[in-house]
Amino acid sequence: MAANYNKLWKLLIDKKLKRTDLRDIAGISTTTVAKLGKDEYVSMECLDRICAALKCDVGDIMSFSHSE
């Protein structure tokens, strides 16, 4: 399974936020933002911080794709 954060990027666009804004309001590192941009796994703690900052659920910011 592969993580996919396209929902997060769409949500940021809808809220008129940039990736640097996400970093600041969620208190996550630039490394974490880079991992999200590459659809790499990040910790549940980071996902929880993002969800709290954006007032959403984890399903609103990510999905998993099953590779064949």
PDB file of N, CA and C in Angstrom:
ATOM      1  N   MET A   1       0.833  -1.188   0.000  1.00  0.00           N
ATOM      2  CA  MET A   1       0.000   0.000   0.000  1.00  0.00           C
ATOM      3  C   MET A   1       0.873   1.247   0.000  1.00  0.00           C
ATOM      4  N   ALA A   2       0.396   2.240  -0.673  1.00  0.00           N
ATOM      5  CA  ALA A   2       1.132   3.501  -0.746  1.00  0.00           C
ATOM      6  C   ALA A   2       0.247   4.630  -0.231  1.00  0.00           C
ATOM      7  N   ALA A   3       0.860   5.530   0.514  1.00  0.00           N
ATOM      8  CA  ALA A   3       0.133   6.693   1.021  1.00  0.00           C
ATOM      9  C   ALA A   3      -0.036   7.714  -0.095  1.00  0.00           C
ATOM     10  N   ASN A   4      -1.142   8.426  -0.048  1.00  0.00           N
ATOM     11  CA  ASN A   4      -1.408   9.464  -1.038  1.00  0.00           C
ATOM     12  C   ASN A   4      -2.001  10.662  -0.303  1.00  0.00           C
ATOM     13  N   TYR A   5      -1.374  11.834  -0.477  1.00  0.00           N
ATOM     14  CA  TYR A   5      -1.790  13.033   0.246  1.00  0.00           C
ATOM     15  C   TYR A   5      -2.435  14.087  -0.664  1.00  0.00           C
ATOM     16  N   ASN A   6      -2.950  13.668  -1.813  1.00  0.00           N
ATOM     17  CA  ASN A   6      -3.587  14.624  -2.731  1.00  0.00           C
ATOM     18  C   ASN A   6      -4.744  15.374  -2.071  1.00  0.00           C
ATOM     19  N   LYS A   7      -5.469  14.686  -1.188  1.00  0.00           N
ATOM     20  CA  LYS A   7      -6.574  15.343  -0.490  1.00  0.00           C
ATOM     21  C   LYS A   7      -6.066  16.501   0.367  1.00  0.00           C
ATOM     22  N   LEU A   8      -4.898  16.328   0.976  1.00  0.00           N
ATOM     23  CA  LEU A   8      -4.309  17.391   1.798  1.00  0.00           C
ATOM     24  C   LEU A   8      -4.005  18.617   0.956  1.00  0.00           C
ATOM     25  N   TRP A   9      -3.395  18.415  -0.210  1.00  0.00           N
ATOM     26  CA  TRP A   9      -3.020  19.555  -1.061  1.00  0.00           C
ATOM     27  C   TRP A   9      -4.268  20.270  -1.570  1.00  0.00           C
ATOM     28  N   LYS A  10      -5.326  19.518  -1.881  1.00  0.00           N
ATOM     29  CA  LYS A  10      -6.577  20.153  -2.320  1.00  0.00           C
ATOM     30  C   LYS A  10      -7.190  20.956  -1.174  1.00  0.00           C
ATOM     31  N   LEU A  11      -7.156  20.398   0.032  1.00  0.00           N
ATOM     32  CA  LEU A  11      -7.701  21.092   1.192  1.00  0.00           C
ATOM     33  C   LEU A  11      -6.941  22.397   1.451  1.00  0.00           C
ATOM     34  N   LEU A  12      -5.626  22.367   1.300  1.00  0.00           N
ATOM     35  CA  LEU A  12      -4.834  23.589   1.485  1.00  0.00           C
ATOM     36  C   LEU A  12      -5.221  24.647   0.453  1.00  0.00           C
ATOM     37  N   ILE A  13      -5.424  24.215  -0.791  1.00  0.00           N
ATOM     38  CA  ILE A  13      -5.844  25.147  -1.845  1.00  0.00           C
ATOM     39  C   ILE A  13      -7.206  25.745  -1.493  1.00  0.00           C
ATOM     40  N   ASP A  14      -8.129  24.894  -1.057  1.00  0.00           N
ATOM     41  CA  ASP A  14      -9.475  25.365  -0.697  1.00  0.00           C
ATOM     42  C   ASP A  14      -9.425  26.380   0.442  1.00  0.00           C
ATOM     43  N   LYS A  15      -8.483  26.193   1.367  1.00  0.00           N
ATOM     44  CA  LYS A  15      -8.355  27.100   2.506  1.00  0.00           C
ATOM     45  C   LYS A  15      -7.389  28.253   2.230  1.00  0.00           C
ATOM     46  N   LYS A  16      -6.891  28.302   0.991  1.00  0.00           N
ATOM     47  CA  LYS A  16      -5.947  29.355   0.574  1.00  0.00           C
ATOM     48  C   LYS A  16      -4.691  29.379   1.457  1.00  0.00           C
ATOM     49  N   LEU A  17      -4.171  28.183   1.721  1.00  0.00           N
ATOM     50  CA  LEU A  17      -2.955  28.039   2.524  1.00  0.00           C
ATOM     51  C   LEU A  17      -1.832  27.464   1.678  1.00  0.00           C
ATOM     52  N   LYS A  18      -0.609  27.791   2.048  1.00  0.00           N
ATOM     53  CA  LYS A  18       0.571  27.242   1.378  1.00  0.00           C
ATOM     54  C   LYS A  18       1.185  26.167   2.261  1.00  0.00           C
ATOM     55  N   ARG A  19       2.109  25.415   1.709  1.00  0.00           N
ATOM     56  CA  ARG A  19       2.780  24.372   2.487  1.00  0.00           C
ATOM     57  C   ARG A  19       3.519  24.960   3.680  1.00  0.00           C
ATOM     58  N   THR A  20       4.083  26.145   3.521  1.00  0.00           N
ATOM     59  CA  THR A  20       4.779  26.783   4.649  1.00  0.00           C
ATOM     60  C   THR A  20       3.785  27.170   5.737  1.00  0.00           C
ATOM     61  N   ASP A  21       2.567  27.561   5.337  1.00  0.00           N
ATOM     62  CA  ASP A  21       1.523  27.855   6.322  1.00  0.00           C
ATOM     63  C   ASP A  21       1.179  26.594   7.117  1.00  0.00           C
ATOM     64  N   LEU A  22       1.057  25.480   6.417  1.00  0.00           N
ATOM     65  CA  LEU A  22       0.763  24.205   7.070  1.00  0.00           C
ATOM     66  C   LEU A  22       1.848  23.881   8.086  1.00  0.00           C
ATOM     67  N   ARG A  23       3.087  24.050   7.692  1.00  0.00           N
ATOM     68  CA  ARG A  23       4.215  23.779   8.583  1.00  0.00           C
ATOM     69  C   ARG A  23       4.099  24.612   9.860  1.00  0.00           C
ATOM     70  N   ASP A  24       3.784  25.876   9.698  1.00  0.00           N
ATOM     71  CA  ASP A  24       3.709  26.773  10.848  1.00  0.00           C
ATOM     72  C   ASP A  24       2.515  26.485  11.758  1.00  0.00           C
ATOM     73  N   ILE A  25       1.325  26.309  11.183  1.00  0.00           N
ATOM     74  CA  ILE A  25       0.138  26.134  12.028  1.00  0.00           C
ATOM     75  C   ILE A  25       0.064  24.743  12.650  1.00  0.00           C
ATOM     76  N   ALA A  26       0.653  23.739  11.987  1.00  0.00           N
ATOM     77  CA  ALA A  26       0.605  22.378  12.519  1.00  0.00           C
ATOM     78  C   ALA A  26       1.833  22.057  13.371  1.00  0.00           C
ATOM     79  N   GLY A  27       2.855  22.898  13.301  1.00  0.00           N
ATOM     80  CA  GLY A  27       4.061  22.646  14.088  1.00  0.00           C
ATOM     81  C   GLY A  27       4.827  21.426  13.617  1.00  0.00           C
ATOM     82  N   ILE A  28       4.890  21.248  12.295  1.00  0.00           N
ATOM     83  CA  ILE A  28       5.635  20.115  11.737  1.00  0.00           C
ATOM     84  C   ILE A  28       6.884  20.635  11.036  1.00  0.00           C
ATOM     85  N   SER A  29       7.826  19.750  10.796  1.00  0.00           N
ATOM     86  CA  SER A  29       9.104  20.152  10.213  1.00  0.00           C
ATOM     87  C   SER A  29       9.041  20.235   8.691  1.00  0.00           C
ATOM     88  N   THR A  30      10.027  20.909   8.132  1.00  0.00           N
ATOM     89  CA  THR A  30      10.130  20.978   6.670  1.00  0.00           C
ATOM     90  C   THR A  30      10.373  19.585   6.093  1.00  0.00           C
ATOM     91  N   THR A  31      11.058  18.743   6.838  1.00  0.00           N
ATOM     92  CA  THR A  31      11.290  17.363   6.399  1.00  0.00           C
ATOM     93  C   THR A  31       9.969  16.612   6.264  1.00  0.00           C
ATOM     94  N   THR A  32       9.082  16.813   7.217  1.00  0.00           N
ATOM     95  CA  THR A  32       7.772  16.162   7.166  1.00  0.00           C
ATOM     96  C   THR A  32       6.970  16.655   5.970  1.00  0.00           C
ATOM     97  N   VAL A  33       6.999  17.957   5.723  1.00  0.00           N
ATOM     98  CA  VAL A  33       6.291  18.512   4.561  1.00  0.00           C
ATOM     99  C   VAL A  33       6.864  17.918   3.276  1.00  0.00           C
ATOM    100  N   ALA A  34       8.182  17.755   3.218  1.00  0.00           N
ATOM    101  CA  ALA A  34       8.818  17.154   2.043  1.00  0.00           C
ATOM    102  C   ALA A  34       8.373  15.705   1.868  1.00  0.00           C
ATOM    103  N   LYS A  35       8.285  14.956   2.963  1.00  0.00           N
ATOM    104  CA  LYS A  35       7.825  13.562   2.889  1.00  0.00           C
ATOM    105  C   LYS A  35       6.382  13.506   2.383  1.00  0.00           C
ATOM    106  N   LEU A  36       5.548  14.419   2.860  1.00  0.00           N
ATOM    107  CA  LEU A  36       4.160  14.465   2.395  1.00  0.00           C
ATOM    108  C   LEU A  36       4.113  14.735   0.896  1.00  0.00           C
ATOM    109  N   GLY A  37       4.984  15.620   0.441  1.00  0.00           N
ATOM    110  CA  GLY A  37       5.037  15.953  -0.979  1.00  0.00           C
ATOM    111  C   GLY A  37       5.465  14.792  -1.853  1.00  0.00           C
ATOM    112  N   LYS A  38       6.197  13.844  -1.264  1.00  0.00           N
ATOM    113  CA  LYS A  38       6.665  12.666  -2.006  1.00  0.00           C
ATOM    114  C   LYS A  38       5.788  11.444  -1.743  1.00  0.00           C
ATOM    115  N   ASP A  39       4.651  11.659  -1.069  1.00  0.00           N
ATOM    116  CA  ASP A  39       3.743  10.564  -0.701  1.00  0.00           C
ATOM    117  C   ASP A  39       4.449   9.481   0.107  1.00  0.00           C
ATOM    118  N   GLU A  40       5.332   9.909   1.011  1.00  0.00           N
ATOM    119  CA  GLU A  40       6.011   8.979   1.907  1.00  0.00           C
ATOM    120  C   GLU A  40       5.260   8.926   3.228  1.00  0.00           C
ATOM    121  N   TYR A  41       5.479   7.857   3.983  1.00  0.00           N
ATOM    122  CA  TYR A  41       4.815   7.713   5.269  1.00  0.00           C
ATOM    123  C   TYR A  41       5.348   8.730   6.272  1.00  0.00           C
ATOM    124  N   VAL A  42       4.439   9.280   7.077  1.00  0.00           N
ATOM    125  CA  VAL A  42       4.802  10.146   8.195  1.00  0.00           C
ATOM    126  C   VAL A  42       4.114   9.578   9.439  1.00  0.00           C
ATOM    127  N   SER A  43       4.552  10.003  10.592  1.00  0.00           N
ATOM    128  CA  SER A  43       4.021   9.443  11.837  1.00  0.00           C
ATOM    129  C   SER A  43       2.569   9.855  12.057  1.00  0.00           C
ATOM    130  N   MET A  44       1.879   9.044  12.843  1.00  0.00           N
ATOM    131  CA  MET A  44       0.491   9.378  13.197  1.00  0.00           C
ATOM    132  C   MET A  44       0.458  10.662  14.004  1.00  0.00           C
ATOM    133  N   GLU A  45       1.503  10.932  14.771  1.00  0.00           N
ATOM    134  CA  GLU A  45       1.561  12.178  15.539  1.00  0.00           C
ATOM    135  C   GLU A  45       1.523  13.380  14.596  1.00  0.00           C
ATOM    136  N   CYS A  46       2.270  13.307  13.510  1.00  0.00           N
ATOM    137  CA  CYS A  46       2.259  14.403  12.525  1.00  0.00           C
ATOM    138  C   CYS A  46       0.899  14.530  11.864  1.00  0.00           C
ATOM    139  N   LEU A  47       0.310  13.418  11.496  1.00  0.00           N
ATOM    140  CA  LEU A  47      -1.020  13.455  10.880  1.00  0.00           C
ATOM    141  C   LEU A  47      -2.044  14.037  11.850  1.00  0.00           C
ATOM    142  N   ASP A  48      -1.909  13.688  13.139  1.00  0.00           N
ATOM    143  CA  ASP A  48      -2.808  14.220  14.156  1.00  0.00           C
ATOM    144  C   ASP A  48      -2.656  15.732  14.282  1.00  0.00           C
ATOM    145  N   ARG A  49      -1.428  16.220  14.248  1.00  0.00           N
ATOM    146  CA  ARG A  49      -1.178  17.667  14.326  1.00  0.00           C
ATOM    147  C   ARG A  49      -1.795  18.398  13.132  1.00  0.00           C
ATOM    148  N   ILE A  50      -1.641  17.808  11.952  1.00  0.00           N
ATOM    149  CA  ILE A  50      -2.197  18.413  10.737  1.00  0.00           C
ATOM    150  C   ILE A  50      -3.721  18.463  10.828  1.00  0.00           C
ATOM    151  N   CYS A  51      -4.323  17.351  11.263  1.00  0.00           N
ATOM    152  CA  CYS A  51      -5.781  17.299  11.378  1.00  0.00           C
ATOM    153  C   CYS A  51      -6.290  18.306  12.408  1.00  0.00           C
ATOM    154  N   ALA A  52      -5.586  18.440  13.517  1.00  0.00           N
ATOM    155  CA  ALA A  52      -5.996  19.411  14.544  1.00  0.00           C
ATOM    156  C   ALA A  52      -5.899  20.830  13.998  1.00  0.00           C
ATOM    157  N   ALA A  53      -4.828  21.113  13.267  1.00  0.00           N
ATOM    158  CA  ALA A  53      -4.626  22.463  12.727  1.00  0.00           C
ATOM    159  C   ALA A  53      -5.667  22.801  11.663  1.00  0.00           C
ATOM    160  N   LEU A  54      -6.034  21.824  10.845  1.00  0.00           N
ATOM    161  CA  LEU A  54      -6.980  22.062   9.761  1.00  0.00           C
ATOM    162  C   LEU A  54      -8.420  21.724  10.143  1.00  0.00           C
ATOM    163  N   LYS A  55      -8.606  21.240  11.375  1.00  0.00           N
ATOM    164  CA  LYS A  55      -9.928  20.857  11.874  1.00  0.00           C
ATOM    165  C   LYS A  55     -10.610  19.861  10.937  1.00  0.00           C
ATOM    166  N   CYS A  56      -9.910  18.746  10.729  1.00  0.00           N
ATOM    167  CA  CYS A  56     -10.433  17.716   9.839  1.00  0.00           C
ATOM    168  C   CYS A  56     -10.050  16.343  10.373  1.00  0.00           C
ATOM    169  N   ASP A  57     -10.440  15.323   9.651  1.00  0.00           N
ATOM    170  CA  ASP A  57     -10.139  13.938  10.015  1.00  0.00           C
ATOM    171  C   ASP A  57      -9.044  13.416   9.091  1.00  0.00           C
ATOM    172  N   VAL A  58      -8.348  12.379   9.518  1.00  0.00           N
ATOM    173  CA  VAL A  58      -7.234  11.853   8.716  1.00  0.00           C
ATOM    174  C   VAL A  58      -7.698  11.412   7.326  1.00  0.00           C
ATOM    175  N   GLY A  59      -8.925  10.942   7.218  1.00  0.00           N
ATOM    176  CA  GLY A  59      -9.466  10.549   5.919  1.00  0.00           C
ATOM    177  C   GLY A  59      -9.687  11.722   4.975  1.00  0.00           C
ATOM    178  N   ASP A  60      -9.699  12.929   5.550  1.00  0.00           N
ATOM    179  CA  ASP A  60      -9.861  14.137   4.739  1.00  0.00           C
ATOM    180  C   ASP A  60      -8.550  14.603   4.119  1.00  0.00           C
ATOM    181  N   ILE A  61      -7.415  14.059   4.604  1.00  0.00           N
ATOM    182  CA  ILE A  61      -6.121  14.530   4.106  1.00  0.00           C
ATOM    183  C   ILE A  61      -5.291  13.459   3.421  1.00  0.00           C
ATOM    184  N   MET A  62      -5.686  12.194   3.563  1.00  0.00           N
ATOM    185  CA  MET A  62      -4.885  11.143   2.936  1.00  0.00           C
ATOM    186  C   MET A  62      -5.728   9.938   2.572  1.00  0.00           C
ATOM    187  N   SER A  63      -5.152   9.121   1.726  1.00  0.00           N
ATOM    188  CA  SER A  63      -5.763   7.843   1.377  1.00  0.00           C
ATOM    189  C   SER A  63      -4.640   6.858   1.101  1.00  0.00           C
ATOM    190  N   PHE A  64      -4.982   5.606   1.006  1.00  0.00           N
ATOM    191  CA  PHE A  64      -4.025   4.556   0.652  1.00  0.00           C
ATOM    192  C   PHE A  64      -4.417   3.976  -0.683  1.00  0.00           C
ATOM    193  N   SER A  65      -3.433   3.736  -1.506  1.00  0.00           N
ATOM    194  CA  SER A  65      -3.707   3.071  -2.790  1.00  0.00           C
ATOM    195  C   SER A  65      -3.053   1.698  -2.741  1.00  0.00           C
ATOM    196  N   HIS A  66      -3.777   0.742  -3.220  1.00  0.00           N
ATOM    197  CA  HIS A  66      -3.284  -0.634  -3.239  1.00  0.00           C
ATOM    198  C   HIS A  66      -2.560  -0.876  -4.555  1.00  0.00           C
ATOM    199  N   SER A  67      -1.278  -1.204  -4.462  1.00  0.00           N
ATOM    200  CA  SER A  67      -0.542  -1.514  -5.680  1.00  0.00           C
ATOM    201  C   SER A  67      -0.700  -2.986  -6.010  1.00  0.00           C
ATOM    202  N   GLU A  68      -0.841  -3.259  -7.267  1.00  0.00           N
ATOM    203  CA  GLU A  68      -1.071  -4.637  -7.741  1.00  0.00           C
ATOM    204  C   GLU A  68       0.229  -5.382  -7.831  1.00  0.00           C
TER     205      GLU A  68
END
